[in-house]
C-alpha atoms as a PDB file:
ATOM      1  CA  UNK A   1      35.162 327.203  24.941  1.00  0.00           C
ATOM      2  CA  UNK A   2      36.698 325.096  22.111  1.00  0.00           C
ATOM      3  CA  UNK A   3      40.305 324.908  21.722  1.00  0.00           C
ATOM      4  CA  UNK A   4      41.090 326.111  18.004  1.00  0.00           C
ATOM      5  CA  UNK A   5      44.525 324.901  16.829  1.00  0.00           C
ATOM      6  CA  UNK A   6      46.209 327.528  15.158  1.00  0.00           C
ATOM      7  CA  UNK A   7      46.576 325.590  11.671  1.00  0.00           C
ATOM      8  CA  UNK A   8      43.193 326.053   9.572  1.00  0.00           C
ATOM      9  CA  UNK A   9      41.038 326.488  12.662  1.00  0.00           C
ATOM     10  CA  UNK A  10      40.738 323.280  13.447  1.00  0.00           C
ATOM     11  CA  UNK A  11      38.841 322.405  16.400  1.00  0.00           C
ATOM     12  CA  UNK A  12      41.033 320.048  18.442  1.00  0.00           C
ATOM     13  CA  UNK A  13      38.131 319.291  20.921  1.00  0.00           C
ATOM     14  CA  UNK A  14      35.582 317.467  18.651  1.00  0.00           C
ATOM     15  CA  UNK A  15      37.034 313.776  17.148  1.00  0.00           C
ATOM     16  CA  UNK A  16      37.238 313.717  13.521  1.00  0.00           C
ATOM     17  CA  UNK A  17      37.302 310.367  12.019  1.00  0.00           C
ATOM     18  CA  UNK A  18      40.733 310.973   9.716  1.00  0.00           C
ATOM     19  CA  UNK A  19      42.317 311.887  12.740  1.00  0.00           C
ATOM     20  CA  UNK A  20      41.120 308.783  14.638  1.00  0.00           C
ATOM     21  CA  UNK A  21      41.978 306.599  11.618  1.00  0.00           C
ATOM     22  CA  UNK A  22      45.546 308.355  11.591  1.00  0.00           C
ATOM     23  CA  UNK A  23      46.010 307.148  15.310  1.00  0.00           C
ATOM     24  CA  UNK A  24      44.766 303.643  14.868  1.00  0.00           C
ATOM     25  CA  UNK A  25      47.544 303.502  11.771  1.00  0.00           C
ATOM     26  CA  UNK A  26      50.216 304.713  14.363  1.00  0.00           C
ATOM     27  CA  UNK A  27      50.375 308.359  13.284  1.00  0.00           C
ATOM     28  CA  UNK A  28      51.006 311.379  14.995  1.00  0.00           C
ATOM     29  CA  UNK A  29      48.655 313.743  13.095  1.00  0.00           C
ATOM     30  CA  UNK A  30      46.177 313.839  15.623  1.00  0.00           C
ATOM     31  CA  UNK A  31      44.861 315.112  19.093  1.00  0.00           C
ATOM     32  CA  UNK A  32      43.763 314.113  22.578  1.00  0.00           C
ATOM     33  CA  UNK A  33      40.013 314.065  21.623  1.00  0.00           C
ATOM     34  CA  UNK A  34      40.776 311.899  18.836  1.00  0.00           C
ATOM     35  CA  UNK A  35      42.924 309.413  20.911  1.00  0.00           C
ATOM     36  CA  UNK A  36      40.401 309.579  23.831  1.00  0.00           C
ATOM     37  CA  UNK A  37      37.723 308.687  21.050  1.00  0.00           C
ATOM     38  CA  UNK A  38      39.557 306.040  19.390  1.00  0.00           C
ATOM     39  CA  UNK A  39      40.703 304.533  22.619  1.00  0.00           C
ATOM     40  CA  UNK A  40      37.054 304.206  23.823  1.00  0.00           C
ATOM     41  CA  UNK A  41      35.990 302.613  20.301  1.00  0.00           C
ATOM     42  CA  UNK A  42      38.988 300.257  20.182  1.00  0.00           C
ATOM     43  CA  UNK A  43      37.812 299.123  23.839  1.00  0.00           C
ATOM     44  CA  UNK A  44      34.524 298.579  22.567  1.00  0.00           C
ATOM     45  CA  UNK A  45      35.810 296.732  19.264  1.00  0.00           C
ATOM     46  CA  UNK A  46      39.541 296.076  19.335  1.00  0.00           C
ATOM     47  CA  UNK A  47      39.145 294.580  15.813  1.00  0.00           C
ATOM     48  CA  UNK A  48      38.723 298.263  14.367  1.00  0.00           C
ATOM     49  CA  UNK A  49      42.335 298.506  14.422  1.00  0.00           C
ATOM     50  CA  UNK A  50      42.613 295.688  12.081  1.00  0.00           C
ATOM     51  CA  UNK A  51      39.959 297.409   9.940  1.00  0.00           C
ATOM     52  CA  UNK A  52      42.090 300.337   9.605  1.00  0.00           C
ATOM     53  CA  UNK A  53      45.228 298.472   8.535  1.00  0.00           C
ATOM     54  CA  UNK A  54      43.199 296.086   6.138  1.00  0.00           C
ATOM     55  CA  UNK A  55      41.780 299.128   4.412  1.00  0.00           C
ATOM     56  CA  UNK A  56      45.184 300.555   3.739  1.00  0.00           C
ATOM     57  CA  UNK A  57      46.692 297.302   2.608  1.00  0.00           C
ATOM     58  CA  UNK A  58      43.708 296.702   0.095  1.00  0.00           C
ATOM     59  CA  UNK A  59      44.552 300.243  -1.054  1.00  0.00           C
ATOM     60  CA  UNK A  60      48.088 299.256  -2.038  1.00  0.00           C
ATOM     61  CA  UNK A  61      46.868 295.893  -3.783  1.00  0.00           C
ATOM     62  CA  UNK A  62      43.991 297.810  -5.642  1.00  0.00           C
ATOM     63  CA  UNK A  63      46.207 300.258  -6.885  1.00  0.00           C
ATOM     64  CA  UNK A  64      48.942 297.757  -8.368  1.00  0.00           C
ATOM     65  CA  UNK A  65      45.755 295.943  -9.832  1.00  0.00           C
ATOM     66  CA  UNK A  66      44.590 299.440 -11.597  1.00  0.00           C
ATOM     67  CA  UNK A  67      48.139 300.046 -13.072  1.00  0.00           C
ATOM     68  CA  UNK A  68      48.246 296.315 -14.113  1.00  0.00           C
ATOM     69  CA  UNK A  69      45.151 297.253 -16.110  1.00  0.00           C
ATOM     70  CA  UNK A  70      46.989 300.376 -17.798  1.00  0.00           C
ATOM     71  CA  UNK A  71      45.281 302.847 -15.994  1.00  0.00           C
ATOM     72  CA  UNK A  72      47.499 305.465 -14.692  1.00  0.00           C
ATOM     73  CA  UNK A  73      45.414 308.318 -13.374  1.00  0.00           C
ATOM     74  CA  UNK A  74      43.506 308.225  -9.714  1.00  0.00           C
ATOM     75  CA  UNK A  75      41.007 310.424  -8.379  1.00  0.00           C
ATOM     76  CA  UNK A  76      41.487 309.508  -4.403  1.00  0.00           C
ATOM     77  CA  UNK A  77      38.406 311.064  -2.493  1.00  0.00           C
ATOM     78  CA  UNK A  78      38.515 311.071   0.865  1.00  0.00           C
ATOM     79  CA  UNK A  79      41.970 310.882   1.124  1.00  0.00           C
ATOM     80  CA  UNK A  80      42.766 311.179   4.895  1.00  0.00           C
ATOM     81  CA  UNK A  81      46.005 312.138   6.628  1.00  0.00           C
ATOM     82  CA  UNK A  82      49.068 311.051   4.891  1.00  0.00           C
ATOM     83  CA  UNK A  83      50.574 307.992   6.217  1.00  0.00           C
ATOM     84  CA  UNK A  84      52.666 304.974   4.366  1.00  0.00           C
ATOM     85  CA  UNK A  85      51.968 303.976   1.165  1.00  0.00           C
ATOM     86  CA  UNK A  86      49.845 306.752  -0.023  1.00  0.00           C
ATOM     87  CA  UNK A  87      48.099 306.275  -3.320  1.00  0.00           C
ATOM     88  CA  UNK A  88      50.940 308.073  -5.433  1.00  0.00           C
ATOM     89  CA  UNK A  89      53.486 306.410  -3.790  1.00  0.00           C
ATOM     90  CA  UNK A  90      52.137 302.896  -4.704  1.00  0.00           C
ATOM     91  CA  UNK A  91      51.361 304.104  -8.359  1.00  0.00           C
ATOM     92  CA  UNK A  92      54.531 305.924  -9.328  1.00  0.00           C
ATOM     93  CA  UNK A  93      56.739 303.156  -7.845  1.00  0.00           C
ATOM     94  CA  UNK A  94      55.217 301.099 -10.716  1.00  0.00           C
ATOM     95  CA  UNK A  95      54.212 303.696 -13.471  1.00  0.00           C
ATOM     96  CA  UNK A  96      56.254 306.826 -12.628  1.00  0.00           C
ATOM     97  CA  UNK A  97      54.089 308.915 -15.309  1.00  0.00           C
ATOM     98  CA  UNK A  98      50.855 308.213 -12.979  1.00  0.00           C
ATOM     99  CA  UNK A  99      48.822 311.456 -11.933  1.00  0.00           C
ATOM    100  CA  UNK A 100      47.166 311.409  -9.038  1.00  0.00           C
ATOM    101  CA  UNK A 101      44.604 314.034  -7.500  1.00  0.00           C
ATOM    102  CA  UNK A 102      43.533 313.931  -3.769  1.00  0.00           C
ATOM    103  CA  UNK A 103      40.368 315.372  -2.472  1.00  0.00           C
ATOM    104  CA  UNK A 104      39.504 315.712   1.018  1.00  0.00           C
ATOM    105  CA  UNK A 105      37.566 318.342   3.351  1.00  0.00           C
ATOM    106  CA  UNK A 106      39.656 318.003   6.598  1.00  0.00           C
ATOM    107  CA  UNK A 107      41.592 321.242   7.334  1.00  0.00           C
ATOM    108  CA  UNK A 108      44.294 319.124   8.843  1.00  0.00           C
ATOM    109  CA  UNK A 109      44.795 317.110   5.720  1.00  0.00           C
ATOM    110  CA  UNK A 110      45.009 320.425   3.964  1.00  0.00           C
ATOM    111  CA  UNK A 111      47.885 321.239   6.343  1.00  0.00           C
ATOM    112  CA  UNK A 112      49.607 318.324   5.543  1.00  0.00           C
ATOM    113  CA  UNK A 113      48.775 317.913   1.931  1.00  0.00           C
ATOM    114  CA  UNK A 114      52.468 318.908   1.179  1.00  0.00           C
ATOM    115  CA  UNK A 115      53.361 315.522   2.191  1.00  0.00           C
ATOM    116  CA  UNK A 116      50.602 314.349  -0.692  1.00  0.00           C
ATOM    117  CA  UNK A 117      52.283 316.432  -3.350  1.00  0.00           C
ATOM    118  CA  UNK A 118      55.655 314.910  -3.698  1.00  0.00           C
ATOM    119  CA  UNK A 119      55.918 313.203  -7.106  1.00  0.00           C
ATOM    120  CA  UNK A 120      58.225 311.312  -9.414  1.00  0.00           C
ATOM    121  CA  UNK A 121      59.628 313.608 -11.979  1.00  0.00           C
ATOM    122  CA  UNK A 122      57.519 311.922 -14.386  1.00  0.00           C
ATOM    123  CA  UNK A 123      54.120 312.117 -12.699  1.00  0.00           C
ATOM    124  CA  UNK A 124      51.853 314.746 -11.075  1.00  0.00           C
ATOM    125  CA  UNK A 125      49.917 314.983  -7.799  1.00  0.00           C
ATOM    126  CA  UNK A 126      47.545 317.591  -6.863  1.00  0.00           C
ATOM    127  CA  UNK A 127      45.321 318.125  -3.990  1.00  0.00           C
ATOM    128  CA  UNK A 128      41.744 319.534  -3.785  1.00  0.00           C
ATOM    129  CA  UNK A 129      39.907 320.891  -1.010  1.00  0.00           C
ATOM    130  CA  UNK A 130      36.592 319.774  -1.252  1.00  0.00           C
ATOM    131  CA  UNK A 131      33.487 317.574  -0.112  1.00  0.00           C
ATOM    132  CA  UNK A 132      32.616 314.136  -1.497  1.00  0.00           C
ATOM    133  CA  UNK A 133      29.197 315.539  -1.566  1.00  0.00           C
ATOM    134  CA  UNK A 134      30.133 318.026  -4.503  1.00  0.00           C
ATOM    135  CA  UNK A 135      30.972 315.800  -7.300  1.00  0.00           C
ATOM    136  CA  UNK A 136      30.744 318.021  -9.677  1.00  0.00           C
ATOM    137  CA  UNK A 137      32.838 320.628  -8.178  1.00  0.00           C
ATOM    138  CA  UNK A 138      35.477 317.711  -7.673  1.00  0.00           C
ATOM    139  CA  UNK A 139      35.389 316.678 -11.365  1.00  0.00           C
ATOM    140  CA  UNK A 140      35.699 320.682 -12.608  1.00  0.00           C
ATOM    141  CA  UNK A 141      38.848 320.664 -10.159  1.00  0.00           C
ATOM    142  CA  UNK A 142      40.257 317.487 -10.854  1.00  0.00           C
ATOM    143  CA  UNK A 143      40.311 318.094 -14.845  1.00  0.00           C
ATOM    144  CA  UNK A 144      42.809 320.493 -14.378  1.00  0.00           C
ATOM    145  CA  UNK A 145      45.300 317.625 -13.483  1.00  0.00           C
ATOM    146  CA  UNK A 146      43.626 314.558 -15.151  1.00  0.00           C
ATOM    147  CA  UNK A 147      42.549 313.886 -18.652  1.00  0.00           C
ATOM    148  CA  UNK A 148      38.896 312.966 -18.028  1.00  0.00           C
ATOM    149  CA  UNK A 149      38.642 311.643 -21.431  1.00  0.00           C
ATOM    150  CA  UNK A 150      41.029 308.832 -20.680  1.00  0.00           C
ATOM    151  CA  UNK A 151      40.379 306.102 -17.912  1.00  0.00           C
ATOM    152  CA  UNK A 152      40.532 307.342 -14.368  1.00  0.00           C
ATOM    153  CA  UNK A 153      40.452 305.015 -11.245  1.00  0.00           C
ATOM    154  CA  UNK A 154      37.795 306.640  -8.818  1.00  0.00           C
ATOM    155  CA  UNK A 155      39.255 305.801  -5.079  1.00  0.00           C
ATOM    156  CA  UNK A 156      36.563 305.959  -2.493  1.00  0.00           C
ATOM    157  CA  UNK A 157      38.120 304.196   0.500  1.00  0.00           C
ATOM    158  CA  UNK A 158      36.017 304.789   3.769  1.00  0.00           C
ATOM    159  CA  UNK A 159      34.514 307.919   2.581  1.00  0.00           C
ATOM    160  CA  UNK A 160      31.145 306.642   1.727  1.00  0.00           C
ATOM    161  CA  UNK A 161      30.066 305.422   5.063  1.00  0.00           C
ATOM    162  CA  UNK A 162      29.935 308.999   5.795  1.00  0.00           C
ATOM    163  CA  UNK A 163      27.018 309.546   3.401  1.00  0.00           C
ATOM    164  CA  UNK A 164      24.139 308.220   5.488  1.00  0.00           C
ATOM    165  CA  UNK A 165      21.282 308.718   3.035  1.00  0.00           C
ATOM    166  CA  UNK A 166      21.577 305.818   0.427  1.00  0.00           C
ATOM    167  CA  UNK A 167      19.991 308.029  -2.345  1.00  0.00           C
ATOM    168  CA  UNK A 168      22.554 310.743  -1.926  1.00  0.00           C
ATOM    169  CA  UNK A 169      25.600 308.151  -1.871  1.00  0.00           C
ATOM    170  CA  UNK A 170      24.676 306.276  -5.043  1.00  0.00           C
ATOM    171  CA  UNK A 171      23.996 309.553  -6.715  1.00  0.00           C
ATOM    172  CA  UNK A 172      27.564 310.790  -5.696  1.00  0.00           C
ATOM    173  CA  UNK A 173      29.160 307.641  -6.967  1.00  0.00           C
ATOM    174  CA  UNK A 174      26.916 307.686 -10.093  1.00  0.00           C
ATOM    175  CA  UNK A 175      27.847 311.183 -10.685  1.00  0.00           C
ATOM    176  CA  UNK A 176      31.652 310.285 -10.678  1.00  0.00           C
ATOM    177  CA  UNK A 177      31.592 307.246 -12.564  1.00  0.00           C
ATOM    178  CA  UNK A 178      29.293 309.062 -15.381  1.00  0.00           C
ATOM    179  CA  UNK A 179      32.099 311.554 -16.100  1.00  0.00           C
ATOM    180  CA  UNK A 180      34.848 309.010 -16.832  1.00  0.00           C
ATOM    181  CA  UNK A 181      34.939 307.088 -19.963  1.00  0.00           C
ATOM    182  CA  UNK A 182      35.193 303.010 -20.622  1.00  0.00           C
ATOM    183  CA  UNK A 183      38.049 301.477 -19.075  1.00  0.00           C
ATOM    184  CA  UNK A 184      37.860 303.362 -16.097  1.00  0.00           C
ATOM    185  CA  UNK A 185      37.381 301.782 -12.647  1.00  0.00           C
ATOM    186  CA  UNK A 186      35.705 302.146  -9.114  1.00  0.00           C
ATOM    187  CA  UNK A 187      37.920 301.322  -6.327  1.00  0.00           C
ATOM    188  CA  UNK A 188      35.632 301.472  -3.201  1.00  0.00           C
ATOM    189  CA  UNK A 189      35.419 300.332   0.752  1.00  0.00           C
ATOM    190  CA  UNK A 190      32.560 300.422   2.905  1.00  0.00           C
ATOM    191  CA  UNK A 191      31.682 300.057   6.506  1.00  0.00           C
ATOM    192  CA  UNK A 192      29.530 296.652   7.531  1.00  0.00           C
ATOM    193  CA  UNK A 193      29.002 294.661  10.506  1.00  0.00           C
ATOM    194  CA  UNK A 194      29.590 291.406   8.914  1.00  0.00           C
ATOM    195  CA  UNK A 195      32.453 290.535  11.163  1.00  0.00           C
ATOM    196  CA  UNK A 196      31.686 291.851  14.652  1.00  0.00           C
ATOM    197  CA  UNK A 197      28.038 292.018  14.174  1.00  0.00           C
ATOM    198  CA  UNK A 198      26.386 294.248  16.965  1.00  0.00           C
ATOM    199  CA  UNK A 199      29.473 295.205  18.600  1.00  0.00           C
ATOM    200  CA  UNK A 200      30.416 297.356  15.648  1.00  0.00           C
ATOM    201  CA  UNK A 201      26.891 298.595  15.189  1.00  0.00           C
ATOM    202  CA  UNK A 202      27.197 300.085  18.738  1.00  0.00           C
ATOM    203  CA  UNK A 203      30.717 301.294  18.302  1.00  0.00           C
ATOM    204  CA  UNK A 204      29.429 303.204  15.423  1.00  0.00           C
ATOM    205  CA  UNK A 205      26.510 304.610  17.683  1.00  0.00           C
ATOM    206  CA  UNK A 206      29.219 305.706  19.960  1.00  0.00           C
ATOM    207  CA  UNK A 207      30.906 307.384  17.310  1.00  0.00           C
ATOM    208  CA  UNK A 208      27.897 309.319  15.997  1.00  0.00           C
ATOM    209  CA  UNK A 209      27.391 310.322  19.681  1.00  0.00           C
ATOM    210  CA  UNK A 210      30.557 312.065  19.904  1.00  0.00           C
ATOM    211  CA  UNK A 211      32.430 312.481  16.809  1.00  0.00           C
ATOM    212  CA  UNK A 212      32.135 313.877  13.329  1.00  0.00           C
ATOM    213  CA  UNK A 213      31.297 313.350  10.538  1.00  0.00           C
ATOM    214  CA  UNK A 214      28.586 310.885  11.405  1.00  0.00           C
ATOM    215  CA  UNK A 215      28.397 307.425   9.837  1.00  0.00           C
ATOM    216  CA  UNK A 216      26.518 304.482   8.914  1.00  0.00           C
ATOM    217  CA  UNK A 217      27.010 300.576   7.943  1.00  0.00           C
ATOM    218  CA  UNK A 218      25.646 298.613   4.863  1.00  0.00           C
ATOM    219  CA  UNK A 219      25.689 294.909   4.119  1.00  0.00           C
ATOM    220  CA  UNK A 220      27.688 293.883   1.065  1.00  0.00           C
ATOM    221  CA  UNK A 221      24.542 293.250  -1.073  1.00  0.00           C
ATOM    222  CA  UNK A 222      23.587 296.729  -0.447  1.00  0.00           C
ATOM    223  CA  UNK A 223      27.018 298.076  -1.073  1.00  0.00           C
ATOM    224  CA  UNK A 224      26.905 296.148  -4.575  1.00  0.00           C
ATOM    225  CA  UNK A 225      23.498 297.576  -5.399  1.00  0.00           C
ATOM    226  CA  UNK A 226      24.051 301.173  -4.324  1.00  0.00           C
ATOM    227  CA  UNK A 227      27.779 301.537  -6.182  1.00  0.00           C
ATOM    228  CA  UNK A 228      28.679 299.112  -8.526  1.00  0.00           C
ATOM    229  CA  UNK A 229      25.173 298.778 -10.580  1.00  0.00           C
ATOM    230  CA  UNK A 230      26.078 298.891 -14.197  1.00  0.00           C
ATOM    231  CA  UNK A 231      29.882 297.763 -13.488  1.00  0.00           C
ATOM    232  CA  UNK A 232      31.791 294.592 -14.040  1.00  0.00           C
ATOM    233  CA  UNK A 233      32.678 293.707 -10.524  1.00  0.00           C
ATOM    234  CA  UNK A 234      36.209 291.788 -10.778  1.00  0.00           C
ATOM    235  CA  UNK A 235      36.653 288.574  -8.597  1.00  0.00           C
ATOM    236  CA  UNK A 236      36.551 288.111  -5.639  1.00  0.00           C
ATOM    237  CA  UNK A 237      33.676 290.444  -5.888  1.00  0.00           C
ATOM    238  CA  UNK A 238      32.465 292.548  -2.692  1.00  0.00           C
ATOM    239  CA  UNK A 239      34.492 290.685   0.247  1.00  0.00           C
ATOM    240  CA  UNK A 240      36.270 291.981   3.392  1.00  0.00           C
ATOM    241  CA  UNK A 241      39.383 294.170   2.677  1.00  0.00           C
ATOM    242  CA  UNK A 242      41.577 291.122   3.878  1.00  0.00           C
ATOM    243  CA  UNK A 243      40.263 288.986   1.260  1.00  0.00           C
ATOM    244  CA  UNK A 244      40.484 290.880  -1.794  1.00  0.00           C
ATOM    245  CA  UNK A 245      43.360 289.389  -4.117  1.00  0.00           C
ATOM    246  CA  UNK A 246      45.475 288.916  -0.493  1.00  0.00           C
ATOM    247  CA  UNK A 247      49.173 288.807  -1.281  1.00  0.00           C
ATOM    248  CA  UNK A 248      50.181 284.774  -1.687  1.00  0.00           C
ATOM    249  CA  UNK A 249      53.467 285.571  -0.084  1.00  0.00           C
ATOM    250  CA  UNK A 250      51.565 286.554   3.299  1.00  0.00           C
ATOM    251  CA  UNK A 251      49.883 283.048   3.502  1.00  0.00           C
ATOM    252  CA  UNK A 252      46.562 282.648   4.622  1.00  0.00           C
ATOM    253  CA  UNK A 253      44.153 285.613   4.561  1.00  0.00           C
ATOM    254  CA  UNK A 254      43.544 287.545   7.804  1.00  0.00           C
ATOM    255  CA  UNK A 255      40.166 287.026   9.500  1.00  0.00           C
ATOM    256  CA  UNK A 256      37.228 289.170   7.864  1.00  0.00           C
ATOM    257  CA  UNK A 257      36.998 292.460   9.205  1.00  0.00           C
ATOM    258  CA  UNK A 258      34.126 294.963   8.878  1.00  0.00           C
ATOM    259  CA  UNK A 259      35.292 297.048   6.038  1.00  0.00           C
ATOM    260  CA  UNK A 260      34.061 295.303   2.778  1.00  0.00           C
ATOM    261  CA  UNK A 261      35.513 296.389  -0.665  1.00  0.00           C
ATOM    262  CA  UNK A 262      35.356 296.056  -4.117  1.00  0.00           C
ATOM    263  CA  UNK A 263      36.481 297.020  -7.609  1.00  0.00           C
ATOM    264  CA  UNK A 264      34.331 297.611 -10.623  1.00  0.00           C
ATOM    265  CA  UNK A 265      35.005 298.067 -13.984  1.00  0.00           C
ATOM    266  CA  UNK A 266      33.200 300.453 -16.357  1.00  0.00           C
ATOM    267  CA  UNK A 267      33.084 298.457 -19.867  1.00  0.00           C
END
C-alpha cells in the first residue's frame, strides 16, 4: 500500500523529480524514496549533482541579464521546491517592483508555496498550481498578476525534458511566446548527454523505470530548433549551463554539464 503524506495527498513512496532535485541541492523537502532514487542516480553519474547546482546558478545569472534588459515580469514554469536564490529573490534585489508568477503541478511545491510568495513591498509574487502541458490555462491565470501586453521573461528551467514528445514540447513553448509581446524573452534549460554520454542516457533510463514524471534528452541543435525558432539567441548561444556568461569573479568556467541552456529574445 502506498504511504500518502498528509499534505495535499502526496505519495511518498514514488520518487519525484522536484523532490530529488531538492535533495541534490541540499534541501530538506524530500522523502526516503526520493533520497534513495537520488543516491542510485548519483552513484551511476556523480556529475548529476553538479548539473543541479549549475542549473540554479544559471537561473540567477539569467535573471540578472533579464533585469538588465529592463524586463521586470517573470513567468517561472516548473518552479520546483523553494531553495536559495529563487527567481523573485534575485529579481527583486535588483528591481524591487518585479512581478513574478510561479507555476508547478507538484502538490509538495504547493504546500511550500508560501516560501515563494514573499515579496518586496513594491513587487508582487503569485503561485499557480498548473501543468506545463496547459499553456493556455497558465496564461489565463498569470494574467491576473502579469501585464501580458508588456515584456515578460518565460522561464522554463529543467521542465521541458519531462515533455518527451518533441512536437508537443515545441508547441507549448510556441504558445507561451506567442502570448507575450516583442521585447520578451525565453530562458530555457534542457537535458542533454553532451558531457557524460551514455552514462547520462543510462541514468535517465533508470529514472524512467522508477520515478515520475518520465524524461528524455536532446542534443543542443535540437534544443535550438524546437524552442528558439524565431527568437534571437543571445551570446554565447545554446551551451552548458556552466558556460552561459559565467561570473568573471569565479575564474575559469566549471566543467561542462549535461544541462544545456540559452536565452532567446522576441524581436
